[in-house]
């Protein structure tokens, strides 16, 4: 029997507050939930408040099969929330609550132990908006084994990013995933010289010695670059309900497939299929059909 991959998400845990309901979310939390659904031993590393939303967040994570031994409780700060607005095509915009529990992720022996076991970790920019959590996330990623896939999911939100954080994250990462809106901003901040998306992605791979880079392009599908190999894949047509969490589902599919050394084109096809399905459903974390879970 193949050993389960140990995969962690570290960063924000929050609730996406829609006009009609609050749904569980946060990019690394969504990632961990989908990684668990796809068969990994998935962990979440974060902090939630000692409040009802914190209780519900833990219930949501555990219900999705995610290990929560590295999710701390903070009695002084509320569990994170973000107001989500959807336009007529289902695309989301966000407004984040300030100084939430996930801004206070402290280093611990539990985090150190988990980091040493990880086959992969996923982290982003938003979770690093506070100095406390930024230091913990950077330390955690750096403490993972050298062969672990350190996936930097560039989730640029509002004003919560800068050149220093992006560069530091790319320095410690071994993989990066970003979308077509984020790439030009990263290119400007990192002073990339390439003029096309493909060449920008290639320049990131070469400058930061990355094992894998992924560019998602919505209905345009995705481009993957892994050292000397490339794959482009069109999106799977679907009726979009909302796009929240689709990128996280893409990343959660990409990481274990890549670690299992599936052909890059197949990795891309599977990740696109999972992301497309998530777009067809309300909310960021949804039950995946068996054919997507048993893809290999």
C-alpha atoms as a PDB file:
ATOM      1  CA  UNK A   1       0.000   0.000   0.000  1.00  0.00           C
ATOM      2  CA  UNK A   2       1.364   3.436  -0.954  1.00  0.00           C
ATOM      3  CA  UNK A   3       2.145   5.695   1.997  1.00  0.00           C
ATOM      4  CA  UNK A   4      -0.141   8.680   2.381  1.00  0.00           C
ATOM      5  CA  UNK A   5       1.553  11.952   1.558  1.00  0.00           C
ATOM      6  CA  UNK A   6       1.760  14.382   4.489  1.00  0.00           C
ATOM      7  CA  UNK A   7       0.590  17.741   3.170  1.00  0.00           C
ATOM      8  CA  UNK A   8       0.064  20.925   5.202  1.00  0.00           C
ATOM      9  CA  UNK A   9      -1.599  24.249   4.593  1.00  0.00           C
ATOM     10  CA  UNK A  10      -0.366  27.124   6.771  1.00  0.00           C
ATOM     11  CA  UNK A  11      -1.897  30.580   7.058  1.00  0.00           C
ATOM     12  CA  UNK A  12      -5.378  32.028   7.196  1.00  0.00           C
ATOM     13  CA  UNK A  13      -8.512  30.260   8.410  1.00  0.00           C
ATOM     14  CA  UNK A  14     -11.583  32.415   7.912  1.00  0.00           C
ATOM     15  CA  UNK A  15     -15.216  32.576   6.925  1.00  0.00           C
ATOM     16  CA  UNK A  16     -16.311  33.878   3.515  1.00  0.00           C
ATOM     17  CA  UNK A  17     -19.376  35.989   4.309  1.00  0.00           C
ATOM     18  CA  UNK A  18     -21.742  36.156   1.321  1.00  0.00           C
ATOM     19  CA  UNK A  19     -24.925  38.246   1.220  1.00  0.00           C
ATOM     20  CA  UNK A  20     -26.967  35.131   2.066  1.00  0.00           C
ATOM     21  CA  UNK A  21     -24.631  32.951   4.165  1.00  0.00           C
ATOM     22  CA  UNK A  22     -21.195  32.441   5.727  1.00  0.00           C
ATOM     23  CA  UNK A  23     -19.070  29.686   4.203  1.00  0.00           C
ATOM     24  CA  UNK A  24     -15.815  28.255   5.508  1.00  0.00           C
ATOM     25  CA  UNK A  25     -12.692  29.360   3.644  1.00  0.00           C
ATOM     26  CA  UNK A  26      -9.146  30.688   3.572  1.00  0.00           C
ATOM     27  CA  UNK A  27      -6.796  29.615   0.771  1.00  0.00           C
ATOM     28  CA  UNK A  28      -4.537  27.244   2.764  1.00  0.00           C
ATOM     29  CA  UNK A  29      -7.566  25.825   4.587  1.00  0.00           C
ATOM     30  CA  UNK A  30      -9.336  25.183   1.284  1.00  0.00           C
ATOM     31  CA  UNK A  31      -6.123  23.599   0.011  1.00  0.00           C
ATOM     32  CA  UNK A  32      -5.908  21.290   3.053  1.00  0.00           C
ATOM     33  CA  UNK A  33      -9.555  20.215   2.703  1.00  0.00           C
ATOM     34  CA  UNK A  34      -9.137  19.295  -0.956  1.00  0.00           C
ATOM     35  CA  UNK A  35      -5.809  17.556  -0.273  1.00  0.00           C
ATOM     36  CA  UNK A  36      -7.590  15.408   2.321  1.00  0.00           C
ATOM     37  CA  UNK A  37     -10.391  14.620  -0.136  1.00  0.00           C
ATOM     38  CA  UNK A  38      -7.765  13.517  -2.658  1.00  0.00           C
ATOM     39  CA  UNK A  39      -6.233  11.037  -0.208  1.00  0.00           C
ATOM     40  CA  UNK A  40      -3.458  12.908   1.602  1.00  0.00           C
ATOM     41  CA  UNK A  41      -2.792  13.060   5.325  1.00  0.00           C
ATOM     42  CA  UNK A  42      -3.700  16.732   5.348  1.00  0.00           C
ATOM     43  CA  UNK A  43      -2.924  19.166   8.163  1.00  0.00           C
ATOM     44  CA  UNK A  44      -3.885  22.764   8.831  1.00  0.00           C
ATOM     45  CA  UNK A  45      -1.590  25.127  10.734  1.00  0.00           C
ATOM     46  CA  UNK A  46      -3.284  28.321  11.864  1.00  0.00           C
ATOM     47  CA  UNK A  47      -5.057  30.099  14.730  1.00  0.00           C
ATOM     48  CA  UNK A  48      -8.785  30.664  15.275  1.00  0.00           C
ATOM     49  CA  UNK A  49     -10.633  32.581  17.953  1.00  0.00           C
ATOM     50  CA  UNK A  50     -12.338  31.227  21.045  1.00  0.00           C
ATOM     51  CA  UNK A  51     -15.706  31.965  19.501  1.00  0.00           C
ATOM     52  CA  UNK A  52     -18.532  30.317  17.578  1.00  0.00           C
ATOM     53  CA  UNK A  53     -16.857  30.790  14.203  1.00  0.00           C
ATOM     54  CA  UNK A  54     -13.698  29.204  15.605  1.00  0.00           C
ATOM     55  CA  UNK A  55     -15.690  26.190  16.781  1.00  0.00           C
ATOM     56  CA  UNK A  56     -17.358  25.935  13.403  1.00  0.00           C
ATOM     57  CA  UNK A  57     -14.030  26.273  11.589  1.00  0.00           C
ATOM     58  CA  UNK A  58     -12.564  23.344  13.505  1.00  0.00           C
ATOM     59  CA  UNK A  59     -15.725  21.327  12.832  1.00  0.00           C
ATOM     60  CA  UNK A  60     -15.444  22.131   9.105  1.00  0.00           C
ATOM     61  CA  UNK A  61     -11.788  21.128   8.941  1.00  0.00           C
ATOM     62  CA  UNK A  62     -12.276  17.917  10.901  1.00  0.00           C
ATOM     63  CA  UNK A  63     -15.392  17.117   8.869  1.00  0.00           C
ATOM     64  CA  UNK A  64     -13.275  17.388   5.724  1.00  0.00           C
ATOM     65  CA  UNK A  65     -10.746  14.947   7.165  1.00  0.00           C
ATOM     66  CA  UNK A  66      -8.087  17.547   7.986  1.00  0.00           C
ATOM     67  CA  UNK A  67      -5.859  17.089  11.043  1.00  0.00           C
ATOM     68  CA  UNK A  68      -6.213  20.079  13.398  1.00  0.00           C
ATOM     69  CA  UNK A  69      -3.576  19.430  16.042  1.00  0.00           C
ATOM     70  CA  UNK A  70      -1.701  22.493  14.788  1.00  0.00           C
ATOM     71  CA  UNK A  71      -4.679  24.883  14.854  1.00  0.00           C
ATOM     72  CA  UNK A  72      -4.405  26.995  18.018  1.00  0.00           C
ATOM     73  CA  UNK A  73      -7.147  28.966  19.817  1.00  0.00           C
ATOM     74  CA  UNK A  74      -6.710  32.674  20.583  1.00  0.00           C
ATOM     75  CA  UNK A  75      -8.941  34.211  23.246  1.00  0.00           C
ATOM     76  CA  UNK A  76      -7.976  37.795  22.365  1.00  0.00           C
ATOM     77  CA  UNK A  77      -8.708  37.881  18.617  1.00  0.00           C
ATOM     78  CA  UNK A  78     -11.752  36.884  16.583  1.00  0.00           C
ATOM     79  CA  UNK A  79     -11.804  34.153  13.969  1.00  0.00           C
ATOM     80  CA  UNK A  80     -11.172  35.696  10.553  1.00  0.00           C
ATOM     81  CA  UNK A  81     -13.945  36.893   8.278  1.00  0.00           C
ATOM     82  CA  UNK A  82     -14.021  38.269   4.746  1.00  0.00           C
ATOM     83  CA  UNK A  83     -16.949  39.908   2.962  1.00  0.00           C
ATOM     84  CA  UNK A  84     -17.353  38.334  -0.488  1.00  0.00           C
ATOM     85  CA  UNK A  85     -19.096  40.071  -3.379  1.00  0.00           C
ATOM     86  CA  UNK A  86     -19.844  38.194  -6.601  1.00  0.00           C
ATOM     87  CA  UNK A  87     -20.325  39.907  -9.957  1.00  0.00           C
ATOM     88  CA  UNK A  88     -22.752  38.719 -12.629  1.00  0.00           C
ATOM     89  CA  UNK A  89     -20.264  36.137 -13.949  1.00  0.00           C
ATOM     90  CA  UNK A  90     -19.561  34.648 -10.515  1.00  0.00           C
ATOM     91  CA  UNK A  91     -16.144  36.260 -10.020  1.00  0.00           C
ATOM     92  CA  UNK A  92     -15.401  37.319  -6.452  1.00  0.00           C
ATOM     93  CA  UNK A  93     -14.033  40.409  -4.715  1.00  0.00           C
ATOM     94  CA  UNK A  94     -13.042  40.444  -1.033  1.00  0.00           C
ATOM     95  CA  UNK A  95     -12.881  42.734   2.028  1.00  0.00           C
ATOM     96  CA  UNK A  96     -10.942  41.276   4.970  1.00  0.00           C
ATOM     97  CA  UNK A  97     -11.457  41.930   8.677  1.00  0.00           C
ATOM     98  CA  UNK A  98      -8.431  43.459  10.403  1.00  0.00           C
ATOM     99  CA  UNK A  99      -6.269  41.860  13.121  1.00  0.00           C
ATOM    100  CA  UNK A 100      -7.860  38.421  13.111  1.00  0.00           C
ATOM    101  CA  UNK A 101      -6.769  35.289  14.965  1.00  0.00           C
ATOM    102  CA  UNK A 102      -4.854  34.050  11.908  1.00  0.00           C
ATOM    103  CA  UNK A 103      -2.632  37.128  12.158  1.00  0.00           C
ATOM    104  CA  UNK A 104      -1.275  35.610  15.396  1.00  0.00           C
ATOM    105  CA  UNK A 105       0.098  32.198  14.393  1.00  0.00           C
ATOM    106  CA  UNK A 106       2.870  31.523  16.924  1.00  0.00           C
ATOM    107  CA  UNK A 107       5.748  29.065  16.532  1.00  0.00           C
ATOM    108  CA  UNK A 108       5.378  25.859  18.568  1.00  0.00           C
ATOM    109  CA  UNK A 109       6.910  22.425  19.043  1.00  0.00           C
ATOM    110  CA  UNK A 110       3.826  20.992  17.317  1.00  0.00           C
ATOM    111  CA  UNK A 111       4.576  23.062  14.207  1.00  0.00           C
ATOM    112  CA  UNK A 112       8.225  22.063  14.313  1.00  0.00           C
ATOM    113  CA  UNK A 113       7.271  18.378  14.506  1.00  0.00           C
ATOM    114  CA  UNK A 114       4.783  18.656  11.631  1.00  0.00           C
ATOM    115  CA  UNK A 115       7.222  20.572   9.424  1.00  0.00           C
ATOM    116  CA  UNK A 116       9.772  17.797   9.752  1.00  0.00           C
ATOM    117  CA  UNK A 117       7.247  15.221   8.461  1.00  0.00           C
ATOM    118  CA  UNK A 118       5.859  17.167   5.502  1.00  0.00           C
ATOM    119  CA  UNK A 119       6.029  15.952   1.927  1.00  0.00           C
ATOM    120  CA  UNK A 120       4.549  19.304   0.901  1.00  0.00           C
ATOM    121  CA  UNK A 121       3.392  22.609   2.348  1.00  0.00           C
ATOM    122  CA  UNK A 122       1.257  25.326   0.780  1.00  0.00           C
ATOM    123  CA  UNK A 123       1.474  28.960   1.913  1.00  0.00           C
ATOM    124  CA  UNK A 124       0.561  32.345   0.474  1.00  0.00           C
ATOM    125  CA  UNK A 125       0.978  36.093   0.831  1.00  0.00           C
ATOM    126  CA  UNK A 126      -2.251  36.918   2.666  1.00  0.00           C
ATOM    127  CA  UNK A 127      -1.361  34.740   5.658  1.00  0.00           C
ATOM    128  CA  UNK A 128       1.847  36.753   5.990  1.00  0.00           C
ATOM    129  CA  UNK A 129       0.230  40.192   6.330  1.00  0.00           C
ATOM    130  CA  UNK A 130       1.270  40.389  10.029  1.00  0.00           C
ATOM    131  CA  UNK A 131       4.896  40.137  11.244  1.00  0.00           C
ATOM    132  CA  UNK A 132       4.002  37.371  13.737  1.00  0.00           C
ATOM    133  CA  UNK A 133       2.410  35.009  11.225  1.00  0.00           C
ATOM    134  CA  UNK A 134       4.935  35.902   8.526  1.00  0.00           C
ATOM    135  CA  UNK A 135       7.828  34.849  10.739  1.00  0.00           C
ATOM    136  CA  UNK A 136       6.081  31.608  11.696  1.00  0.00           C
ATOM    137  CA  UNK A 137       5.166  30.715   8.112  1.00  0.00           C
ATOM    138  CA  UNK A 138       8.664  31.403   6.812  1.00  0.00           C
ATOM    139  CA  UNK A 139      10.157  29.353   9.654  1.00  0.00           C
ATOM    140  CA  UNK A 140       7.751  26.467   9.062  1.00  0.00           C
ATOM    141  CA  UNK A 141       8.435  26.304   5.326  1.00  0.00           C
ATOM    142  CA  UNK A 142      12.171  26.455   5.925  1.00  0.00           C
ATOM    143  CA  UNK A 143      11.907  23.607   8.450  1.00  0.00           C
ATOM    144  CA  UNK A 144      10.362  21.154   5.981  1.00  0.00           C
ATOM    145  CA  UNK A 145      12.669  18.501   4.484  1.00  0.00           C
ATOM    146  CA  UNK A 146      14.765  19.627   1.546  1.00  0.00           C
ATOM    147  CA  UNK A 147      12.904  17.261  -0.794  1.00  0.00           C
ATOM    148  CA  UNK A 148       9.476  18.537   0.299  1.00  0.00           C
ATOM    149  CA  UNK A 149       7.494  20.555  -2.246  1.00  0.00           C
ATOM    150  CA  UNK A 150       7.218  24.072  -0.823  1.00  0.00           C
ATOM    151  CA  UNK A 151       4.294  25.534  -2.773  1.00  0.00           C
ATOM    152  CA  UNK A 152       3.985  29.319  -2.705  1.00  0.00           C
ATOM    153  CA  UNK A 153       0.417  30.119  -3.774  1.00  0.00           C
ATOM    154  CA  UNK A 154       0.562  33.805  -4.682  1.00  0.00           C
ATOM    155  CA  UNK A 155      -2.846  34.969  -3.471  1.00  0.00           C
ATOM    156  CA  UNK A 156      -2.617  38.753  -3.789  1.00  0.00           C
ATOM    157  CA  UNK A 157      -5.478  40.371  -1.874  1.00  0.00           C
ATOM    158  CA  UNK A 158      -6.183  44.088  -1.455  1.00  0.00           C
ATOM    159  CA  UNK A 159      -3.006  45.790  -0.141  1.00  0.00           C
ATOM    160  CA  UNK A 160      -1.742  42.749   1.793  1.00  0.00           C
ATOM    161  CA  UNK A 161       1.449  42.087  -0.163  1.00  0.00           C
ATOM    162  CA  UNK A 162       4.747  43.754  -1.026  1.00  0.00           C
ATOM    163  CA  UNK A 163       7.956  43.032  -2.901  1.00  0.00           C
ATOM    164  CA  UNK A 164       9.845  41.921   0.197  1.00  0.00           C
ATOM    165  CA  UNK A 165       7.277  39.287   1.207  1.00  0.00           C
ATOM    166  CA  UNK A 166       6.964  37.943  -2.339  1.00  0.00           C
ATOM    167  CA  UNK A 167      10.724  37.737  -2.839  1.00  0.00           C
ATOM    168  CA  UNK A 168      11.303  36.093   0.566  1.00  0.00           C
ATOM    169  CA  UNK A 169       8.554  33.583  -0.169  1.00  0.00           C
ATOM    170  CA  UNK A 170       9.988  32.703  -3.573  1.00  0.00           C
ATOM    171  CA  UNK A 171      13.439  32.337  -2.009  1.00  0.00           C
ATOM    172  CA  UNK A 172      12.201  29.656   0.421  1.00  0.00           C
ATOM    173  CA  UNK A 173       9.740  28.025  -2.025  1.00  0.00           C
ATOM    174  CA  UNK A 174      10.427  25.218  -4.488  1.00  0.00           C
ATOM    175  CA  UNK A 175       7.177  25.742  -6.438  1.00  0.00           C
ATOM    176  CA  UNK A 176       4.868  28.648  -7.243  1.00  0.00           C
ATOM    177  CA  UNK A 177       1.289  28.967  -8.434  1.00  0.00           C
ATOM    178  CA  UNK A 178      -0.316  32.225  -9.533  1.00  0.00           C
ATOM    179  CA  UNK A 179      -3.077  33.435 -11.834  1.00  0.00           C
ATOM    180  CA  UNK A 180      -3.068  35.656 -14.904  1.00  0.00           C
ATOM    181  CA  UNK A 181      -3.913  38.775 -12.872  1.00  0.00           C
ATOM    182  CA  UNK A 182      -1.208  38.140 -10.277  1.00  0.00           C
ATOM    183  CA  UNK A 183       1.634  37.367 -12.690  1.00  0.00           C
ATOM    184  CA  UNK A 184       2.067  40.914 -14.089  1.00  0.00           C
ATOM    185  CA  UNK A 185       2.075  42.338 -10.527  1.00  0.00           C
ATOM    186  CA  UNK A 186       4.693  39.811  -9.415  1.00  0.00           C
ATOM    187  CA  UNK A 187       6.709  40.513 -12.577  1.00  0.00           C
ATOM    188  CA  UNK A 188       6.706  44.245 -11.798  1.00  0.00           C
ATOM    189  CA  UNK A 189       7.588  43.797  -8.112  1.00  0.00           C
ATOM    190  CA  UNK A 190      10.344  41.258  -8.847  1.00  0.00           C
ATOM    191  CA  UNK A 191      11.586  43.232 -11.863  1.00  0.00           C
ATOM    192  CA  UNK A 192      11.264  40.401 -14.350  1.00  0.00           C
ATOM    193  CA  UNK A 193      12.503  41.218 -17.834  1.00  0.00           C
ATOM    194  CA  UNK A 194      10.340  38.811 -19.851  1.00  0.00           C
ATOM    195  CA  UNK A 195       7.484  40.225 -21.937  1.00  0.00           C
ATOM    196  CA  UNK A 196       5.107  37.255 -22.245  1.00  0.00           C
ATOM    197  CA  UNK A 197       3.376  35.221 -19.493  1.00  0.00           C
ATOM    198  CA  UNK A 198       5.189  32.038 -20.520  1.00  0.00           C
ATOM    199  CA  UNK A 199       8.585  33.718 -20.425  1.00  0.00           C
ATOM    200  CA  UNK A 200       7.761  35.446 -17.116  1.00  0.00           C
ATOM    201  CA  UNK A 201       6.949  32.071 -15.605  1.00  0.00           C
ATOM    202  CA  UNK A 202      10.129  30.589 -17.037  1.00  0.00           C
ATOM    203  CA  UNK A 203      12.136  33.486 -15.611  1.00  0.00           C
ATOM    204  CA  UNK A 204      10.668  32.839 -12.140  1.00  0.00           C
ATOM    205  CA  UNK A 205      11.645  29.159 -12.405  1.00  0.00           C
ATOM    206  CA  UNK A 206      15.209  30.012 -13.386  1.00  0.00           C
ATOM    207  CA  UNK A 207      15.770  32.936 -11.013  1.00  0.00           C
ATOM    208  CA  UNK A 208      14.476  31.113  -7.920  1.00  0.00           C
ATOM    209  CA  UNK A 209      15.508  27.578  -8.944  1.00  0.00           C
ATOM    210  CA  UNK A 210      11.939  26.279  -8.712  1.00  0.00           C
ATOM    211  CA  UNK A 211      10.944  22.670  -9.394  1.00  0.00           C
ATOM    212  CA  UNK A 212       7.474  23.669 -10.608  1.00  0.00           C
ATOM    213  CA  UNK A 213       5.554  26.792 -11.655  1.00  0.00           C
ATOM    214  CA  UNK A 214       1.856  26.991 -12.472  1.00  0.00           C
ATOM    215  CA  UNK A 215      -0.091  29.781 -14.159  1.00  0.00           C
ATOM    216  CA  UNK A 216      -3.884  29.517 -14.097  1.00  0.00           C
ATOM    217  CA  UNK A 217      -5.809  31.463 -16.711  1.00  0.00           C
ATOM    218  CA  UNK A 218      -9.481  30.912 -15.864  1.00  0.00           C
ATOM    219  CA  UNK A 219     -11.335  29.785 -18.984  1.00  0.00           C
ATOM    220  CA  UNK A 220      -7.933  29.704 -20.715  1.00  0.00           C
ATOM    221  CA  UNK A 221      -6.826  26.720 -18.632  1.00  0.00           C
ATOM    222  CA  UNK A 222      -3.312  26.489 -17.197  1.00  0.00           C
ATOM    223  CA  UNK A 223       0.381  26.432 -18.030  1.00  0.00           C
ATOM    224  CA  UNK A 224       2.796  24.274 -16.027  1.00  0.00           C
ATOM    225  CA  UNK A 225       6.582  24.532 -16.198  1.00  0.00           C
ATOM    226  CA  UNK A 226       8.771  21.953 -14.473  1.00  0.00           C
ATOM    227  CA  UNK A 227      12.432  22.582 -15.205  1.00  0.00           C
ATOM    228  CA  UNK A 228      12.786  21.508 -18.875  1.00  0.00           C
ATOM    229  CA  UNK A 229       9.209  20.327 -19.319  1.00  0.00           C
ATOM    230  CA  UNK A 230       6.045  22.314 -20.068  1.00  0.00           C
ATOM    231  CA  UNK A 231       2.328  21.587 -20.333  1.00  0.00           C
ATOM    232  CA  UNK A 232      -0.599  23.697 -21.464  1.00  0.00           C
ATOM    233  CA  UNK A 233      -4.142  22.517 -20.860  1.00  0.00           C
ATOM    234  CA  UNK A 234      -7.487  24.131 -21.713  1.00  0.00           C
ATOM    235  CA  UNK A 235     -10.083  24.577 -18.998  1.00  0.00           C
ATOM    236  CA  UNK A 236     -12.893  22.049 -18.749  1.00  0.00           C
ATOM    237  CA  UNK A 237     -16.081  23.843 -19.884  1.00  0.00           C
ATOM    238  CA  UNK A 238     -18.552  24.360 -17.066  1.00  0.00           C
ATOM    239  CA  UNK A 239     -21.356  26.634 -15.929  1.00  0.00           C
ATOM    240  CA  UNK A 240     -19.679  28.889 -13.359  1.00  0.00           C
ATOM    241  CA  UNK A 241     -21.562  29.369 -10.092  1.00  0.00           C
ATOM    242  CA  UNK A 242     -18.673  31.010  -8.271  1.00  0.00           C
ATOM    243  CA  UNK A 243     -14.899  30.892  -8.586  1.00  0.00           C
ATOM    244  CA  UNK A 244     -14.047  31.022  -4.864  1.00  0.00           C
ATOM    245  CA  UNK A 245     -11.666  28.199  -3.987  1.00  0.00           C
ATOM    246  CA  UNK A 246     -11.115  26.988  -7.550  1.00  0.00           C
ATOM    247  CA  UNK A 247      -7.458  28.004  -7.502  1.00  0.00           C
ATOM    248  CA  UNK A 248      -6.969  26.290  -4.148  1.00  0.00           C
ATOM    249  CA  UNK A 249      -8.521  23.103  -5.514  1.00  0.00           C
ATOM    250  CA  UNK A 250      -6.210  23.327  -8.532  1.00  0.00           C
ATOM    251  CA  UNK A 251      -3.170  23.596  -6.244  1.00  0.00           C
ATOM    252  CA  UNK A 252      -4.337  20.791  -3.961  1.00  0.00           C
ATOM    253  CA  UNK A 253      -4.600  18.500  -6.984  1.00  0.00           C
ATOM    254  CA  UNK A 254      -1.355  19.666  -8.562  1.00  0.00           C
ATOM    255  CA  UNK A 255       0.840  19.063  -5.507  1.00  0.00           C
ATOM    256  CA  UNK A 256       0.231  15.347  -4.796  1.00  0.00           C
ATOM    257  CA  UNK A 257       0.079  14.430  -8.482  1.00  0.00           C
ATOM    258  CA  UNK A 258       3.434  16.131  -9.072  1.00  0.00           C
ATOM    259  CA  UNK A 259       4.975  14.424  -6.046  1.00  0.00           C
ATOM    260  CA  UNK A 260       3.783  11.051  -7.344  1.00  0.00           C
ATOM    261  CA  UNK A 261       5.590  11.840 -10.601  1.00  0.00           C
ATOM    262  CA  UNK A 262       2.557  11.644 -12.848  1.00  0.00           C
ATOM    263  CA  UNK A 263       3.187  12.925 -16.399  1.00  0.00           C
ATOM    264  CA  UNK A 264       3.012  16.715 -16.335  1.00  0.00           C
ATOM    265  CA  UNK A 265       0.236  16.852 -18.941  1.00  0.00           C
ATOM    266  CA  UNK A 266      -1.874  14.494 -16.821  1.00  0.00           C
ATOM    267  CA  UNK A 267      -1.168  16.534 -13.698  1.00  0.00           C
ATOM    268  CA  UNK A 268      -2.426  19.606 -15.550  1.00  0.00           C
ATOM    269  CA  UNK A 269      -5.507  17.862 -16.896  1.00  0.00           C
ATOM    270  CA  UNK A 270      -6.510  16.541 -13.463  1.00  0.00           C
ATOM    271  CA  UNK A 271      -5.977  19.894 -11.724  1.00  0.00           C
ATOM    272  CA  UNK A 272      -8.039  21.692 -14.381  1.00  0.00           C
ATOM    273  CA  UNK A 273     -10.850  19.166 -14.051  1.00  0.00           C
ATOM    274  CA  UNK A 274     -11.026  19.546 -10.262  1.00  0.00           C
ATOM    275  CA  UNK A 275     -10.913  23.350 -10.446  1.00  0.00           C
ATOM    276  CA  UNK A 276     -13.655  23.386 -13.078  1.00  0.00           C
ATOM    277  CA  UNK A 277     -15.897  21.224 -10.916  1.00  0.00           C
ATOM    278  CA  UNK A 278     -15.388  23.531  -7.921  1.00  0.00           C
ATOM    279  CA  UNK A 279     -16.387  26.505 -10.127  1.00  0.00           C
ATOM    280  CA  UNK A 280     -19.676  24.754 -10.859  1.00  0.00           C
ATOM    281  CA  UNK A 281     -20.589  24.552  -7.149  1.00  0.00           C
ATOM    282  CA  UNK A 282     -21.315  27.204  -4.494  1.00  0.00           C
ATOM    283  CA  UNK A 283     -18.574  27.710  -1.916  1.00  0.00           C
ATOM    284  CA  UNK A 284     -14.866  26.926  -1.818  1.00  0.00           C
ATOM    285  CA  UNK A 285     -14.914  23.418  -0.315  1.00  0.00           C
ATOM    286  CA  UNK A 286     -17.229  20.935  -1.994  1.00  0.00           C
ATOM    287  CA  UNK A 287     -17.493  17.152  -2.165  1.00  0.00           C
ATOM    288  CA  UNK A 288     -15.604  15.897  -5.195  1.00  0.00           C
ATOM    289  CA  UNK A 289     -17.118  13.144  -7.356  1.00  0.00           C
ATOM    290  CA  UNK A 290     -15.378   9.769  -7.276  1.00  0.00           C
ATOM    291  CA  UNK A 291     -13.986  10.049 -10.805  1.00  0.00           C
ATOM    292  CA  UNK A 292     -11.951  13.120  -9.781  1.00  0.00           C
ATOM    293  CA  UNK A 293     -10.713  11.525  -6.542  1.00  0.00           C
ATOM    294  CA  UNK A 294      -9.747   8.271  -8.271  1.00  0.00           C
ATOM    295  CA  UNK A 295      -8.233   9.982 -11.327  1.00  0.00           C
ATOM    296  CA  UNK A 296      -4.985   8.023 -11.334  1.00  0.00           C
END
